[in-house]
């Protein structure tokens, strides 16, 4: 629920307020701000509750995630944190670590390995999706060999994430 509110609503609303306006101008800046804050407040409250009740290690991770929520999506610091690396770290690695920590209140090597898997799949996704989206905007661009290759890469990323999730679920059920 925290990620649905913080990333699904708040981050995308803030991203739409950024200088490059990736989502167009359908909603006003005020509407986007209301959506962002309206989602961020309950996300922070729920995150603090989980940290206080179950996993104090969530506090430093939550602060790092909050930093990236603002710095990446609003392109603060002259966009220094709005890069593929920081995208992969903040939306690939950190959510996996947070998911592990919320359940265990510990860091382990397998959690870090899962986080690195999240990092690299996010890195591949962002680097394949941008040129794919650009090609799809061109007439007949989505029908080129390059577009088909990028689409295959993106489908491969999805398949690898789903396969890893199914494997981990099976492993947990067999315990």
C-alpha atoms as a PDB file:
ATOM      1  CA  UNK A   1       0.000   0.000   0.000  1.00  0.00           C
ATOM      2  CA  UNK A   2       2.883   2.357   0.813  1.00  0.00           C
ATOM      3  CA  UNK A   3       4.428   1.903  -2.644  1.00  0.00           C
ATOM      4  CA  UNK A   4       1.056   2.185  -4.379  1.00  0.00           C
ATOM      5  CA  UNK A   5       0.525   5.570  -2.750  1.00  0.00           C
ATOM      6  CA  UNK A   6       4.117   6.821  -2.733  1.00  0.00           C
ATOM      7  CA  UNK A   7       5.237   5.629  -6.156  1.00  0.00           C
ATOM      8  CA  UNK A   8       2.018   4.864  -7.979  1.00  0.00           C
ATOM      9  CA  UNK A   9       0.336   8.164  -7.193  1.00  0.00           C
ATOM     10  CA  UNK A  10       2.717  10.600  -5.524  1.00  0.00           C
ATOM     11  CA  UNK A  11       5.855   9.982  -7.620  1.00  0.00           C
ATOM     12  CA  UNK A  12       3.966  10.042 -10.895  1.00  0.00           C
ATOM     13  CA  UNK A  13       2.126  13.215  -9.891  1.00  0.00           C
ATOM     14  CA  UNK A  14       5.412  14.891  -8.966  1.00  0.00           C
ATOM     15  CA  UNK A  15       6.992  13.649 -12.189  1.00  0.00           C
ATOM     16  CA  UNK A  16       4.188  15.298 -14.142  1.00  0.00           C
ATOM     17  CA  UNK A  17       5.089  18.571 -12.390  1.00  0.00           C
ATOM     18  CA  UNK A  18       8.734  18.359 -13.481  1.00  0.00           C
ATOM     19  CA  UNK A  19      10.181  20.615 -16.175  1.00  0.00           C
ATOM     20  CA  UNK A  20       9.895  18.023 -18.963  1.00  0.00           C
ATOM     21  CA  UNK A  21       6.165  17.325 -18.330  1.00  0.00           C
ATOM     22  CA  UNK A  22       6.237  13.647 -19.378  1.00  0.00           C
ATOM     23  CA  UNK A  23       2.496  13.225 -18.895  1.00  0.00           C
ATOM     24  CA  UNK A  24       1.395  16.388 -20.658  1.00  0.00           C
ATOM     25  CA  UNK A  25      -0.786  19.102 -19.146  1.00  0.00           C
ATOM     26  CA  UNK A  26      -4.059  17.247 -18.621  1.00  0.00           C
ATOM     27  CA  UNK A  27      -4.058  18.104 -14.906  1.00  0.00           C
ATOM     28  CA  UNK A  28      -3.133  21.479 -13.473  1.00  0.00           C
ATOM     29  CA  UNK A  29      -0.072  21.928 -11.292  1.00  0.00           C
ATOM     30  CA  UNK A  30      -2.345  22.433  -8.278  1.00  0.00           C
ATOM     31  CA  UNK A  31      -4.268  19.208  -8.986  1.00  0.00           C
ATOM     32  CA  UNK A  32      -1.003  17.293  -9.336  1.00  0.00           C
ATOM     33  CA  UNK A  33       0.301  18.740  -6.076  1.00  0.00           C
ATOM     34  CA  UNK A  34      -2.910  17.797  -4.243  1.00  0.00           C
ATOM     35  CA  UNK A  35      -2.646  14.260  -5.620  1.00  0.00           C
ATOM     36  CA  UNK A  36       1.040  14.009  -4.681  1.00  0.00           C
ATOM     37  CA  UNK A  37       0.601  15.268  -1.125  1.00  0.00           C
ATOM     38  CA  UNK A  38      -2.695  13.428  -0.684  1.00  0.00           C
ATOM     39  CA  UNK A  39      -0.957  10.146  -1.466  1.00  0.00           C
ATOM     40  CA  UNK A  40       2.347  10.925   0.239  1.00  0.00           C
ATOM     41  CA  UNK A  41       0.883  11.740   3.665  1.00  0.00           C
ATOM     42  CA  UNK A  42      -0.847   8.364   4.199  1.00  0.00           C
ATOM     43  CA  UNK A  43       2.164   6.554   2.677  1.00  0.00           C
ATOM     44  CA  UNK A  44       4.481   8.249   5.180  1.00  0.00           C
ATOM     45  CA  UNK A  45       2.074   7.590   8.046  1.00  0.00           C
ATOM     46  CA  UNK A  46       1.802   3.902   7.173  1.00  0.00           C
ATOM     47  CA  UNK A  47       5.565   3.633   6.691  1.00  0.00           C
ATOM     48  CA  UNK A  48       6.208   5.232  10.088  1.00  0.00           C
ATOM     49  CA  UNK A  49       3.674   2.903  11.700  1.00  0.00           C
ATOM     50  CA  UNK A  50       5.381  -0.149  10.192  1.00  0.00           C
ATOM     51  CA  UNK A  51       8.812   1.136  11.227  1.00  0.00           C
ATOM     52  CA  UNK A  52       7.723   1.882  14.789  1.00  0.00           C
ATOM     53  CA  UNK A  53       5.769  -1.351  15.191  1.00  0.00           C
ATOM     54  CA  UNK A  54       7.841  -3.938  13.336  1.00  0.00           C
ATOM     55  CA  UNK A  55      10.964  -2.773  11.555  1.00  0.00           C
ATOM     56  CA  UNK A  56      12.959   0.240  12.796  1.00  0.00           C
ATOM     57  CA  UNK A  57      15.439  -0.302   9.927  1.00  0.00           C
ATOM     58  CA  UNK A  58      12.718   1.067   7.660  1.00  0.00           C
ATOM     59  CA  UNK A  59      13.380   4.578   8.930  1.00  0.00           C
ATOM     60  CA  UNK A  60      16.732   5.123   7.169  1.00  0.00           C
ATOM     61  CA  UNK A  61      15.493   3.302   4.051  1.00  0.00           C
ATOM     62  CA  UNK A  62      12.292   5.334   4.084  1.00  0.00           C
ATOM     63  CA  UNK A  63      14.251   8.574   4.327  1.00  0.00           C
ATOM     64  CA  UNK A  64      16.383   7.564   1.339  1.00  0.00           C
ATOM     65  CA  UNK A  65      13.247   6.620  -0.627  1.00  0.00           C
ATOM     66  CA  UNK A  66      11.593   9.931   0.309  1.00  0.00           C
ATOM     67  CA  UNK A  67      14.693  11.783  -0.888  1.00  0.00           C
ATOM     68  CA  UNK A  68      14.545  10.018  -4.255  1.00  0.00           C
ATOM     69  CA  UNK A  69      10.788  10.468  -4.515  1.00  0.00           C
ATOM     70  CA  UNK A  70      11.374  14.213  -4.426  1.00  0.00           C
ATOM     71  CA  UNK A  71      14.822  14.530  -6.032  1.00  0.00           C
ATOM     72  CA  UNK A  72      14.190  12.185  -8.969  1.00  0.00           C
ATOM     73  CA  UNK A  73      10.645  13.185  -9.841  1.00  0.00           C
ATOM     74  CA  UNK A  74      11.002  16.928  -9.339  1.00  0.00           C
ATOM     75  CA  UNK A  75      14.445  16.860 -10.949  1.00  0.00           C
ATOM     76  CA  UNK A  76      15.933  18.702  -7.982  1.00  0.00           C
ATOM     77  CA  UNK A  77      19.657  19.515  -7.846  1.00  0.00           C
ATOM     78  CA  UNK A  78      19.621  20.362 -11.571  1.00  0.00           C
ATOM     79  CA  UNK A  79      18.376  16.884 -12.406  1.00  0.00           C
ATOM     80  CA  UNK A  80      21.514  15.227 -10.987  1.00  0.00           C
ATOM     81  CA  UNK A  81      19.426  12.372  -9.550  1.00  0.00           C
ATOM     82  CA  UNK A  82      17.186  12.036 -12.613  1.00  0.00           C
ATOM     83  CA  UNK A  83      19.419   9.495 -14.353  1.00  0.00           C
ATOM     84  CA  UNK A  84      19.128   5.844 -15.279  1.00  0.00           C
ATOM     85  CA  UNK A  85      21.460   4.859 -12.424  1.00  0.00           C
ATOM     86  CA  UNK A  86      19.425   6.654  -9.752  1.00  0.00           C
ATOM     87  CA  UNK A  87      16.183   5.407 -11.279  1.00  0.00           C
ATOM     88  CA  UNK A  88      17.490   1.847 -11.023  1.00  0.00           C
ATOM     89  CA  UNK A  89      18.683   2.336  -7.470  1.00  0.00           C
ATOM     90  CA  UNK A  90      15.575   4.097  -6.186  1.00  0.00           C
ATOM     91  CA  UNK A  91      12.891   2.128  -8.035  1.00  0.00           C
ATOM     92  CA  UNK A  92      14.725  -1.189  -8.469  1.00  0.00           C
ATOM     93  CA  UNK A  93      17.125  -1.922  -5.619  1.00  0.00           C
ATOM     94  CA  UNK A  94      15.580  -0.009  -2.715  1.00  0.00           C
ATOM     95  CA  UNK A  95      12.015  -1.384  -3.009  1.00  0.00           C
ATOM     96  CA  UNK A  96      13.356  -4.951  -2.815  1.00  0.00           C
ATOM     97  CA  UNK A  97      15.411  -4.108   0.264  1.00  0.00           C
ATOM     98  CA  UNK A  98      12.471  -2.310   1.853  1.00  0.00           C
ATOM     99  CA  UNK A  99      10.213  -5.302   1.187  1.00  0.00           C
ATOM    100  CA  UNK A 100      12.710  -7.597   2.879  1.00  0.00           C
ATOM    101  CA  UNK A 101      13.329  -5.259   5.814  1.00  0.00           C
ATOM    102  CA  UNK A 102       9.624  -4.700   6.496  1.00  0.00           C
ATOM    103  CA  UNK A 103       9.266  -8.460   6.959  1.00  0.00           C
ATOM    104  CA  UNK A 104      12.496  -9.206   8.834  1.00  0.00           C
ATOM    105  CA  UNK A 105      13.984  -5.943  10.171  1.00  0.00           C
ATOM    106  CA  UNK A 106      17.374  -7.189   8.927  1.00  0.00           C
ATOM    107  CA  UNK A 107      19.681  -6.917   5.933  1.00  0.00           C
ATOM    108  CA  UNK A 108      21.079 -10.128   4.475  1.00  0.00           C
ATOM    109  CA  UNK A 109      23.180 -11.128   1.506  1.00  0.00           C
ATOM    110  CA  UNK A 110      20.168 -12.737  -0.260  1.00  0.00           C
ATOM    111  CA  UNK A 111      18.235  -9.476   0.228  1.00  0.00           C
ATOM    112  CA  UNK A 112      21.091  -7.563  -1.350  1.00  0.00           C
ATOM    113  CA  UNK A 113      21.177 -10.073  -4.232  1.00  0.00           C
ATOM    114  CA  UNK A 114      17.449  -9.544  -4.740  1.00  0.00           C
ATOM    115  CA  UNK A 115      17.992  -5.797  -4.621  1.00  0.00           C
ATOM    116  CA  UNK A 116      20.700  -6.054  -7.276  1.00  0.00           C
ATOM    117  CA  UNK A 117      18.315  -8.089  -9.418  1.00  0.00           C
ATOM    118  CA  UNK A 118      15.811  -5.251  -9.019  1.00  0.00           C
ATOM    119  CA  UNK A 119      18.487  -2.693  -9.891  1.00  0.00           C
ATOM    120  CA  UNK A 120      19.597  -4.415 -13.088  1.00  0.00           C
ATOM    121  CA  UNK A 121      16.103  -5.242 -14.323  1.00  0.00           C
ATOM    122  CA  UNK A 122      15.100  -1.599 -13.758  1.00  0.00           C
ATOM    123  CA  UNK A 123      18.261  -0.476 -15.577  1.00  0.00           C
ATOM    124  CA  UNK A 124      17.492  -2.676 -18.592  1.00  0.00           C
ATOM    125  CA  UNK A 125      13.843  -1.598 -18.554  1.00  0.00           C
ATOM    126  CA  UNK A 126      14.538   2.137 -18.508  1.00  0.00           C
ATOM    127  CA  UNK A 127      17.208   1.863 -21.207  1.00  0.00           C
ATOM    128  CA  UNK A 128      14.990  -0.206 -23.498  1.00  0.00           C
ATOM    129  CA  UNK A 129      11.679   1.570 -22.861  1.00  0.00           C
ATOM    130  CA  UNK A 130      12.790   5.107 -23.721  1.00  0.00           C
ATOM    131  CA  UNK A 131      13.961   4.343 -27.271  1.00  0.00           C
ATOM    132  CA  UNK A 132      11.015   1.957 -27.722  1.00  0.00           C
ATOM    133  CA  UNK A 133       8.537   4.703 -26.785  1.00  0.00           C
ATOM    134  CA  UNK A 134      10.283   7.127 -29.138  1.00  0.00           C
ATOM    135  CA  UNK A 135      10.095   4.617 -32.001  1.00  0.00           C
ATOM    136  CA  UNK A 136       6.407   3.954 -31.327  1.00  0.00           C
ATOM    137  CA  UNK A 137       5.722   7.677 -31.781  1.00  0.00           C
ATOM    138  CA  UNK A 138       7.044   7.602 -35.357  1.00  0.00           C
ATOM    139  CA  UNK A 139       4.873   6.423 -38.246  1.00  0.00           C
ATOM    140  CA  UNK A 140       5.703   2.749 -38.783  1.00  0.00           C
ATOM    141  CA  UNK A 141       8.365   3.097 -36.061  1.00  0.00           C
ATOM    142  CA  UNK A 142       6.849   0.330 -33.994  1.00  0.00           C
ATOM    143  CA  UNK A 143       7.205  -2.071 -36.918  1.00  0.00           C
ATOM    144  CA  UNK A 144      10.978  -1.795 -37.332  1.00  0.00           C
ATOM    145  CA  UNK A 145      13.485  -4.515 -36.403  1.00  0.00           C
ATOM    146  CA  UNK A 146      14.893  -2.246 -33.683  1.00  0.00           C
ATOM    147  CA  UNK A 147      11.427  -1.723 -32.162  1.00  0.00           C
ATOM    148  CA  UNK A 148      10.755  -5.470 -32.243  1.00  0.00           C
ATOM    149  CA  UNK A 149      14.105  -6.115 -30.544  1.00  0.00           C
ATOM    150  CA  UNK A 150      13.414  -3.535 -27.831  1.00  0.00           C
ATOM    151  CA  UNK A 151       9.942  -4.992 -27.286  1.00  0.00           C
ATOM    152  CA  UNK A 152      11.483  -8.464 -26.904  1.00  0.00           C
ATOM    153  CA  UNK A 153      13.933  -7.089 -24.347  1.00  0.00           C
ATOM    154  CA  UNK A 154      11.111  -5.487 -22.373  1.00  0.00           C
ATOM    155  CA  UNK A 155       9.078  -8.696 -22.467  1.00  0.00           C
ATOM    156  CA  UNK A 156      12.179 -10.558 -21.295  1.00  0.00           C
ATOM    157  CA  UNK A 157      12.514  -8.231 -18.316  1.00  0.00           C
ATOM    158  CA  UNK A 158       8.888  -8.839 -17.377  1.00  0.00           C
ATOM    159  CA  UNK A 159       9.310 -12.596 -17.792  1.00  0.00           C
ATOM    160  CA  UNK A 160      12.453 -12.625 -15.650  1.00  0.00           C
ATOM    161  CA  UNK A 161      10.778 -10.677 -12.848  1.00  0.00           C
ATOM    162  CA  UNK A 162       7.687 -12.906 -12.945  1.00  0.00           C
ATOM    163  CA  UNK A 163       9.865 -16.031 -13.005  1.00  0.00           C
ATOM    164  CA  UNK A 164      11.898 -14.833 -10.036  1.00  0.00           C
ATOM    165  CA  UNK A 165       8.703 -14.010  -8.120  1.00  0.00           C
ATOM    166  CA  UNK A 166       7.205 -17.434  -8.892  1.00  0.00           C
ATOM    167  CA  UNK A 167      10.433 -19.143  -7.836  1.00  0.00           C
ATOM    168  CA  UNK A 168      10.561 -17.233  -4.539  1.00  0.00           C
ATOM    169  CA  UNK A 169       6.886 -17.951  -3.877  1.00  0.00           C
ATOM    170  CA  UNK A 170       7.413 -21.671  -4.521  1.00  0.00           C
ATOM    171  CA  UNK A 171      10.459 -21.647  -2.269  1.00  0.00           C
ATOM    172  CA  UNK A 172       8.474 -19.976   0.527  1.00  0.00           C
ATOM    173  CA  UNK A 173       5.575 -22.417   0.168  1.00  0.00           C
ATOM    174  CA  UNK A 174       7.898 -25.418   0.316  1.00  0.00           C
ATOM    175  CA  UNK A 175       9.348 -24.364   3.673  1.00  0.00           C
END
